[in-house]
């Protein structure tokens, strides 16, 4: 499956689980993969400031969000977009993921990481407000 929203939703779900259950032992077991997922999310957003996707191969998925049918994402005039596509809901998932990770990092005593992810969340919020 190809989904641009999968990684930030994984982070968000883990953070929501920790908030709901307080099960930090489970979160600790996931921590390396959560950090790796956050690093991927940061890397993926570097070129444009947003997590984007575009079809990489002729046989690849045209759309890689939850609306993944071939004609589910289009311009107001009906044209299918080309190039990197930044779904606004994905940017919201990224914001929530970074905010949640910041809170978990604080609970783990990792204040520098928490500050970093808070700043990434704020940068995403500002970019969405500016561009969308």
N, C-alpha and C. Protein backbone atom coordinates (compact mmCIF):
# COMPACT_ATOMS: atom_id res chain seq x y z
N UNK A 1 0.85 -1.18 0.00
CA UNK A 1 0.00 0.00 0.00
C UNK A 1 0.88 1.23 0.00
N UNK A 2 0.43 2.26 -0.66
CA UNK A 2 1.16 3.52 -0.65
C UNK A 2 0.28 4.59 -0.05
N UNK A 3 0.65 5.07 1.09
CA UNK A 3 -0.15 6.09 1.75
C UNK A 3 0.73 7.15 2.37
N UNK A 4 0.57 8.39 1.91
CA UNK A 4 1.37 9.48 2.45
C UNK A 4 0.98 9.80 3.89
N UNK A 5 -0.21 9.36 4.29
CA UNK A 5 -0.71 9.66 5.64
C UNK A 5 -0.37 8.59 6.67
N UNK A 6 0.16 7.46 6.23
CA UNK A 6 0.38 6.32 7.13
C UNK A 6 1.35 6.64 8.26
N UNK A 7 2.47 7.24 7.94
CA UNK A 7 3.50 7.50 8.96
C UNK A 7 3.03 8.49 10.01
N UNK A 8 2.49 9.67 9.63
CA UNK A 8 2.02 10.56 10.69
C UNK A 8 0.85 9.99 11.49
N UNK A 9 0.01 9.18 10.85
CA UNK A 9 -1.09 8.56 11.60
C UNK A 9 -0.59 7.51 12.58
N UNK A 10 0.46 6.79 12.23
CA UNK A 10 1.08 5.84 13.16
C UNK A 10 1.56 6.59 14.41
N UNK A 11 2.25 7.69 14.21
CA UNK A 11 2.75 8.48 15.34
C UNK A 11 1.57 8.98 16.18
N UNK A 12 0.59 9.54 15.50
CA UNK A 12 -0.57 10.10 16.20
C UNK A 12 -1.30 9.03 17.02
N UNK A 13 -1.47 7.85 16.45
CA UNK A 13 -2.14 6.76 17.17
C UNK A 13 -1.35 6.35 18.41
N UNK A 14 -0.04 6.23 18.29
CA UNK A 14 0.78 5.86 19.45
C UNK A 14 0.66 6.92 20.55
N UNK A 15 0.65 8.18 20.16
CA UNK A 15 0.52 9.26 21.14
C UNK A 15 -0.86 9.23 21.80
N UNK A 16 -1.90 9.00 21.01
CA UNK A 16 -3.25 8.92 21.55
C UNK A 16 -3.38 7.74 22.50
N UNK A 17 -2.76 6.62 22.15
CA UNK A 17 -2.76 5.44 23.01
C UNK A 17 -2.12 5.78 24.36
N UNK A 18 -0.98 6.43 24.32
CA UNK A 18 -0.28 6.80 25.56
C UNK A 18 -1.13 7.74 26.40
N UNK A 19 -1.77 8.71 25.76
CA UNK A 19 -2.63 9.64 26.49
C UNK A 19 -3.80 8.91 27.15
N UNK A 20 -4.38 7.98 26.44
CA UNK A 20 -5.56 7.29 26.94
C UNK A 20 -5.23 6.28 28.02
N UNK A 21 -4.12 5.54 27.85
CA UNK A 21 -3.83 4.43 28.76
C UNK A 21 -2.75 4.72 29.79
N UNK A 22 -1.88 5.68 29.48
CA UNK A 22 -0.74 5.92 30.35
C UNK A 22 0.32 4.83 30.27
N UNK A 23 0.22 3.95 29.31
CA UNK A 23 1.12 2.81 29.17
C UNK A 23 2.45 3.24 28.54
N UNK A 24 3.30 3.85 29.35
CA UNK A 24 4.57 4.34 28.84
C UNK A 24 5.55 3.21 28.55
N UNK A 25 5.38 2.05 29.16
CA UNK A 25 6.26 0.92 28.84
C UNK A 25 6.08 0.51 27.38
N UNK A 26 4.83 0.49 26.92
CA UNK A 26 4.58 0.17 25.52
C UNK A 26 5.15 1.26 24.61
N UNK A 27 4.92 2.50 24.99
CA UNK A 27 5.47 3.62 24.21
C UNK A 27 6.99 3.53 24.16
N UNK A 28 7.61 3.21 25.28
CA UNK A 28 9.07 3.06 25.31
C UNK A 28 9.53 2.00 24.32
N UNK A 29 8.76 0.93 24.18
CA UNK A 29 9.14 -0.12 23.23
C UNK A 29 9.01 0.36 21.78
N UNK A 30 8.14 1.31 21.55
CA UNK A 30 7.95 1.88 20.21
C UNK A 30 8.84 3.08 19.94
N UNK A 31 9.45 3.64 20.99
CA UNK A 31 10.14 4.92 20.87
C UNK A 31 11.13 4.99 19.71
N UNK A 32 11.99 4.00 19.51
CA UNK A 32 12.91 4.09 18.36
C UNK A 32 12.18 4.20 17.02
N UNK A 33 11.10 3.44 16.85
CA UNK A 33 10.38 3.52 15.58
C UNK A 33 9.59 4.82 15.46
N UNK A 34 9.10 5.34 16.57
CA UNK A 34 8.42 6.64 16.54
C UNK A 34 9.39 7.75 16.14
N UNK A 35 10.59 7.70 16.70
CA UNK A 35 11.61 8.70 16.34
C UNK A 35 12.00 8.57 14.87
N UNK A 36 12.14 7.34 14.39
CA UNK A 36 12.47 7.12 12.98
C UNK A 36 11.33 7.62 12.08
N UNK A 37 10.10 7.39 12.50
CA UNK A 37 8.95 7.87 11.73
C UNK A 37 8.93 9.39 11.69
N UNK A 38 9.26 10.03 12.81
CA UNK A 38 9.32 11.49 12.84
C UNK A 38 10.43 12.01 11.93
N UNK A 39 11.57 11.33 11.94
CA UNK A 39 12.67 11.73 11.06
C UNK A 39 12.27 11.62 9.60
N UNK A 40 11.58 10.53 9.23
CA UNK A 40 11.10 10.39 7.86
C UNK A 40 10.14 11.52 7.52
N UNK A 41 9.23 11.84 8.44
CA UNK A 41 8.25 12.89 8.20
C UNK A 41 8.95 14.23 7.99
N UNK A 42 9.96 14.51 8.80
CA UNK A 42 10.72 15.75 8.61
C UNK A 42 11.42 15.74 7.25
N UNK A 43 12.05 14.63 6.91
CA UNK A 43 12.75 14.51 5.63
C UNK A 43 11.78 14.70 4.47
N UNK A 44 10.62 14.07 4.56
CA UNK A 44 9.64 14.14 3.48
C UNK A 44 9.10 15.55 3.28
N UNK A 45 9.13 16.37 4.31
CA UNK A 45 8.57 17.72 4.20
C UNK A 45 9.62 18.77 3.85
N UNK A 46 10.88 18.40 3.77
CA UNK A 46 11.92 19.40 3.52
C UNK A 46 11.79 20.15 2.19
N UNK A 47 11.53 19.48 1.08
CA UNK A 47 11.54 20.23 -0.18
C UNK A 47 10.51 21.35 -0.25
N UNK A 48 9.31 21.14 0.30
CA UNK A 48 8.24 22.13 0.14
C UNK A 48 7.71 22.69 1.46
N UNK A 49 8.08 22.09 2.58
CA UNK A 49 7.50 22.46 3.86
C UNK A 49 6.29 21.61 4.20
N UNK A 50 5.81 20.83 3.23
CA UNK A 50 4.66 19.95 3.42
C UNK A 50 5.04 18.52 3.08
N UNK A 51 4.34 17.58 3.67
CA UNK A 51 4.48 16.18 3.27
C UNK A 51 3.64 16.03 2.00
N UNK A 52 4.30 15.67 0.91
CA UNK A 52 3.66 15.59 -0.39
C UNK A 52 3.83 14.19 -0.99
N UNK A 53 3.16 13.98 -2.09
CA UNK A 53 3.35 12.75 -2.86
C UNK A 53 3.21 13.08 -4.33
N UNK A 54 3.74 12.22 -5.15
CA UNK A 54 3.46 12.23 -6.58
C UNK A 54 3.75 10.84 -7.12
N UNK A 55 3.09 10.52 -8.16
CA UNK A 55 3.25 9.20 -8.77
C UNK A 55 4.69 9.05 -9.26
N UNK A 56 5.37 8.02 -8.81
CA UNK A 56 6.78 7.82 -9.14
C UNK A 56 6.99 6.86 -10.29
N UNK A 57 6.02 6.01 -10.56
CA UNK A 57 6.15 5.03 -11.64
C UNK A 57 4.81 4.92 -12.36
N UNK A 58 4.86 4.53 -13.62
CA UNK A 58 3.63 4.42 -14.40
C UNK A 58 2.61 3.50 -13.75
N UNK A 59 3.09 2.49 -13.05
CA UNK A 59 2.18 1.55 -12.39
C UNK A 59 1.87 1.95 -10.94
N UNK A 60 2.41 3.08 -10.49
CA UNK A 60 2.21 3.52 -9.12
C UNK A 60 0.86 4.17 -8.88
N UNK A 61 0.56 4.38 -7.63
CA UNK A 61 -0.70 5.03 -7.26
C UNK A 61 -0.68 6.49 -7.68
N UNK A 62 -1.79 6.93 -8.27
CA UNK A 62 -1.93 8.34 -8.63
C UNK A 62 -2.13 9.17 -7.38
N UNK A 63 -3.01 8.71 -6.50
CA UNK A 63 -3.29 9.42 -5.26
C UNK A 63 -2.93 8.52 -4.08
N UNK A 64 -2.30 9.13 -3.09
CA UNK A 64 -1.75 8.33 -1.99
C UNK A 64 -2.25 8.77 -0.63
N UNK A 65 -3.42 9.39 -0.60
CA UNK A 65 -4.09 9.71 0.65
C UNK A 65 -5.29 8.79 0.81
N UNK A 66 -6.18 9.11 1.74
CA UNK A 66 -7.34 8.25 1.94
C UNK A 66 -8.29 8.32 0.76
N UNK A 67 -8.24 9.41 0.01
CA UNK A 67 -9.02 9.53 -1.23
C UNK A 67 -8.12 9.05 -2.36
N UNK A 68 -8.05 7.74 -2.57
CA UNK A 68 -7.02 7.23 -3.47
C UNK A 68 -7.53 6.79 -4.84
N UNK A 69 -8.78 7.08 -5.17
CA UNK A 69 -9.22 6.77 -6.53
C UNK A 69 -8.54 7.74 -7.50
N UNK A 70 -8.47 7.37 -8.75
CA UNK A 70 -7.70 8.13 -9.73
C UNK A 70 -8.21 9.56 -9.92
N UNK A 71 -9.51 9.78 -9.67
CA UNK A 71 -10.08 11.11 -9.90
C UNK A 71 -10.56 11.79 -8.62
N UNK A 72 -10.05 11.38 -7.49
CA UNK A 72 -10.53 11.92 -6.21
C UNK A 72 -9.90 13.26 -5.83
N UNK A 73 -8.77 13.59 -6.42
CA UNK A 73 -8.10 14.86 -6.15
C UNK A 73 -8.04 15.62 -7.47
N UNK A 74 -8.61 16.83 -7.47
CA UNK A 74 -8.66 17.59 -8.72
C UNK A 74 -8.74 19.08 -8.41
N UNK A 75 -8.41 19.89 -9.42
CA UNK A 75 -8.52 21.34 -9.32
C UNK A 75 -9.99 21.75 -9.45
N UNK A 76 -10.29 22.99 -9.11
CA UNK A 76 -11.66 23.49 -9.18
C UNK A 76 -12.24 23.37 -10.58
N UNK A 77 -11.38 23.46 -11.60
CA UNK A 77 -11.87 23.36 -12.98
C UNK A 77 -11.94 21.91 -13.48
N UNK A 78 -11.66 20.95 -12.60
CA UNK A 78 -11.76 19.54 -12.96
C UNK A 78 -10.47 18.89 -13.41
N UNK A 79 -9.42 19.68 -13.65
CA UNK A 79 -8.15 19.10 -14.07
C UNK A 79 -7.53 18.28 -12.94
N UNK A 80 -6.84 17.20 -13.33
CA UNK A 80 -6.11 16.37 -12.37
C UNK A 80 -4.76 17.04 -12.14
N UNK A 81 -4.37 17.26 -10.89
CA UNK A 81 -3.08 17.93 -10.62
C UNK A 81 -1.89 17.06 -10.98
N UNK A 82 -0.81 17.73 -11.35
CA UNK A 82 0.46 17.05 -11.61
C UNK A 82 1.47 17.55 -10.59
N UNK A 83 2.53 16.81 -10.43
CA UNK A 83 3.59 17.26 -9.52
C UNK A 83 3.27 16.93 -8.09
N UNK A 84 4.06 17.42 -7.17
CA UNK A 84 3.82 17.11 -5.76
C UNK A 84 2.44 17.61 -5.31
N UNK A 85 1.74 16.76 -4.59
CA UNK A 85 0.42 17.09 -4.06
C UNK A 85 0.52 17.07 -2.54
N UNK A 86 0.05 18.15 -1.91
CA UNK A 86 0.06 18.26 -0.45
C UNK A 86 -1.39 18.30 0.03
N UNK A 87 -1.89 17.18 0.50
CA UNK A 87 -3.25 17.13 1.04
C UNK A 87 -3.28 17.84 2.39
N UNK A 88 -4.23 18.73 2.57
CA UNK A 88 -4.26 19.51 3.81
C UNK A 88 -4.48 18.62 5.03
N UNK A 89 -5.27 17.55 4.88
CA UNK A 89 -5.49 16.69 6.04
C UNK A 89 -4.20 16.01 6.49
N UNK A 90 -3.33 15.69 5.56
CA UNK A 90 -2.05 15.07 5.92
C UNK A 90 -1.21 16.04 6.74
N UNK A 91 -1.26 17.31 6.38
CA UNK A 91 -0.49 18.30 7.13
C UNK A 91 -1.04 18.41 8.56
N UNK A 92 -2.35 18.26 8.71
CA UNK A 92 -2.95 18.21 10.04
C UNK A 92 -2.49 17.00 10.84
N UNK A 93 -2.38 15.86 10.17
CA UNK A 93 -1.87 14.66 10.84
C UNK A 93 -0.43 14.87 11.29
N UNK A 94 0.35 15.53 10.44
CA UNK A 94 1.76 15.81 10.79
C UNK A 94 1.81 16.73 12.00
N UNK A 95 1.00 17.77 12.01
CA UNK A 95 0.94 18.68 13.15
C UNK A 95 0.61 17.90 14.42
N UNK A 96 -0.43 17.08 14.37
CA UNK A 96 -0.83 16.30 15.55
C UNK A 96 0.27 15.33 15.98
N UNK A 97 0.94 14.73 15.00
CA UNK A 97 2.03 13.80 15.32
C UNK A 97 3.16 14.50 16.05
N UNK A 98 3.58 15.65 15.55
CA UNK A 98 4.68 16.37 16.20
C UNK A 98 4.28 16.88 17.58
N UNK A 99 3.04 17.38 17.73
CA UNK A 99 2.58 17.82 19.05
C UNK A 99 2.56 16.65 20.03
N UNK A 100 2.03 15.53 19.58
CA UNK A 100 1.97 14.35 20.44
C UNK A 100 3.35 13.85 20.83
N UNK A 101 4.27 13.81 19.87
CA UNK A 101 5.64 13.38 20.17
C UNK A 101 6.31 14.33 21.16
N UNK A 102 6.05 15.62 21.01
CA UNK A 102 6.63 16.58 21.94
C UNK A 102 6.15 16.29 23.36
N UNK A 103 4.87 16.01 23.51
CA UNK A 103 4.33 15.69 24.84
C UNK A 103 4.95 14.41 25.40
N UNK A 104 5.07 13.39 24.55
CA UNK A 104 5.68 12.14 25.01
C UNK A 104 7.15 12.34 25.37
N UNK A 105 7.85 13.11 24.57
CA UNK A 105 9.27 13.36 24.86
C UNK A 105 9.41 14.06 26.21
N UNK A 106 8.52 15.01 26.50
CA UNK A 106 8.57 15.68 27.80
C UNK A 106 8.34 14.68 28.93
N UNK A 107 7.38 13.78 28.75
CA UNK A 107 7.12 12.75 29.77
C UNK A 107 8.33 11.85 29.97
N UNK A 108 9.13 11.69 28.93
CA UNK A 108 10.32 10.85 29.00
C UNK A 108 11.55 11.65 29.46
N UNK A 109 11.38 12.96 29.71
CA UNK A 109 12.50 13.78 30.15
C UNK A 109 13.42 14.22 29.02
N UNK A 110 12.95 14.14 27.79
CA UNK A 110 13.74 14.53 26.61
C UNK A 110 13.29 15.91 26.13
N UNK A 111 13.63 16.93 26.93
CA UNK A 111 13.13 18.27 26.65
C UNK A 111 13.65 18.85 25.34
N UNK A 112 14.88 18.57 24.96
CA UNK A 112 15.40 19.09 23.69
C UNK A 112 14.61 18.53 22.51
N UNK A 113 14.34 17.25 22.55
CA UNK A 113 13.52 16.64 21.49
C UNK A 113 12.12 17.23 21.51
N UNK A 114 11.57 17.40 22.67
CA UNK A 114 10.22 17.97 22.79
C UNK A 114 10.18 19.37 22.18
N UNK A 115 11.17 20.19 22.50
CA UNK A 115 11.22 21.54 21.93
C UNK A 115 11.32 21.50 20.41
N UNK A 116 12.13 20.57 19.91
CA UNK A 116 12.29 20.44 18.46
C UNK A 116 10.96 20.09 17.80
N UNK A 117 10.25 19.10 18.35
CA UNK A 117 8.99 18.69 17.74
C UNK A 117 7.90 19.74 17.92
N UNK A 118 7.93 20.47 19.03
CA UNK A 118 6.99 21.59 19.16
C UNK A 118 7.24 22.63 18.07
N UNK A 119 8.52 22.90 17.79
CA UNK A 119 8.82 23.90 16.76
C UNK A 119 8.44 23.38 15.37
N UNK A 120 8.58 22.10 15.12
CA UNK A 120 8.15 21.52 13.83
C UNK A 120 6.63 21.61 13.70
N UNK A 121 5.91 21.35 14.78
CA UNK A 121 4.46 21.46 14.74
C UNK A 121 4.05 22.89 14.46
N UNK A 122 4.68 23.83 15.13
CA UNK A 122 4.36 25.25 14.91
C UNK A 122 4.68 25.67 13.48
N UNK A 123 5.78 25.21 12.94
CA UNK A 123 6.14 25.53 11.55
C UNK A 123 5.08 24.99 10.59
N UNK A 124 4.60 23.79 10.85
CA UNK A 124 3.56 23.21 9.99
C UNK A 124 2.27 24.00 10.11
N UNK A 125 1.89 24.35 11.33
CA UNK A 125 0.66 25.14 11.53
C UNK A 125 0.74 26.45 10.76
N UNK A 126 1.86 27.14 10.89
CA UNK A 126 2.03 28.43 10.21
C UNK A 126 2.00 28.26 8.69
N UNK A 127 2.64 27.22 8.19
CA UNK A 127 2.66 26.98 6.74
C UNK A 127 1.26 26.68 6.21
N UNK A 128 0.50 25.89 6.94
CA UNK A 128 -0.87 25.58 6.51
C UNK A 128 -1.71 26.85 6.49
N UNK A 129 -1.62 27.64 7.53
CA UNK A 129 -2.40 28.88 7.56
C UNK A 129 -1.99 29.83 6.44
N UNK A 130 -0.72 29.85 6.11
CA UNK A 130 -0.22 30.73 5.06
C UNK A 130 -0.66 30.26 3.67
N UNK A 131 -0.61 28.96 3.42
CA UNK A 131 -0.82 28.45 2.07
C UNK A 131 -2.21 27.90 1.79
N UNK A 132 -2.92 27.48 2.82
CA UNK A 132 -4.24 26.90 2.58
C UNK A 132 -5.33 27.86 3.01
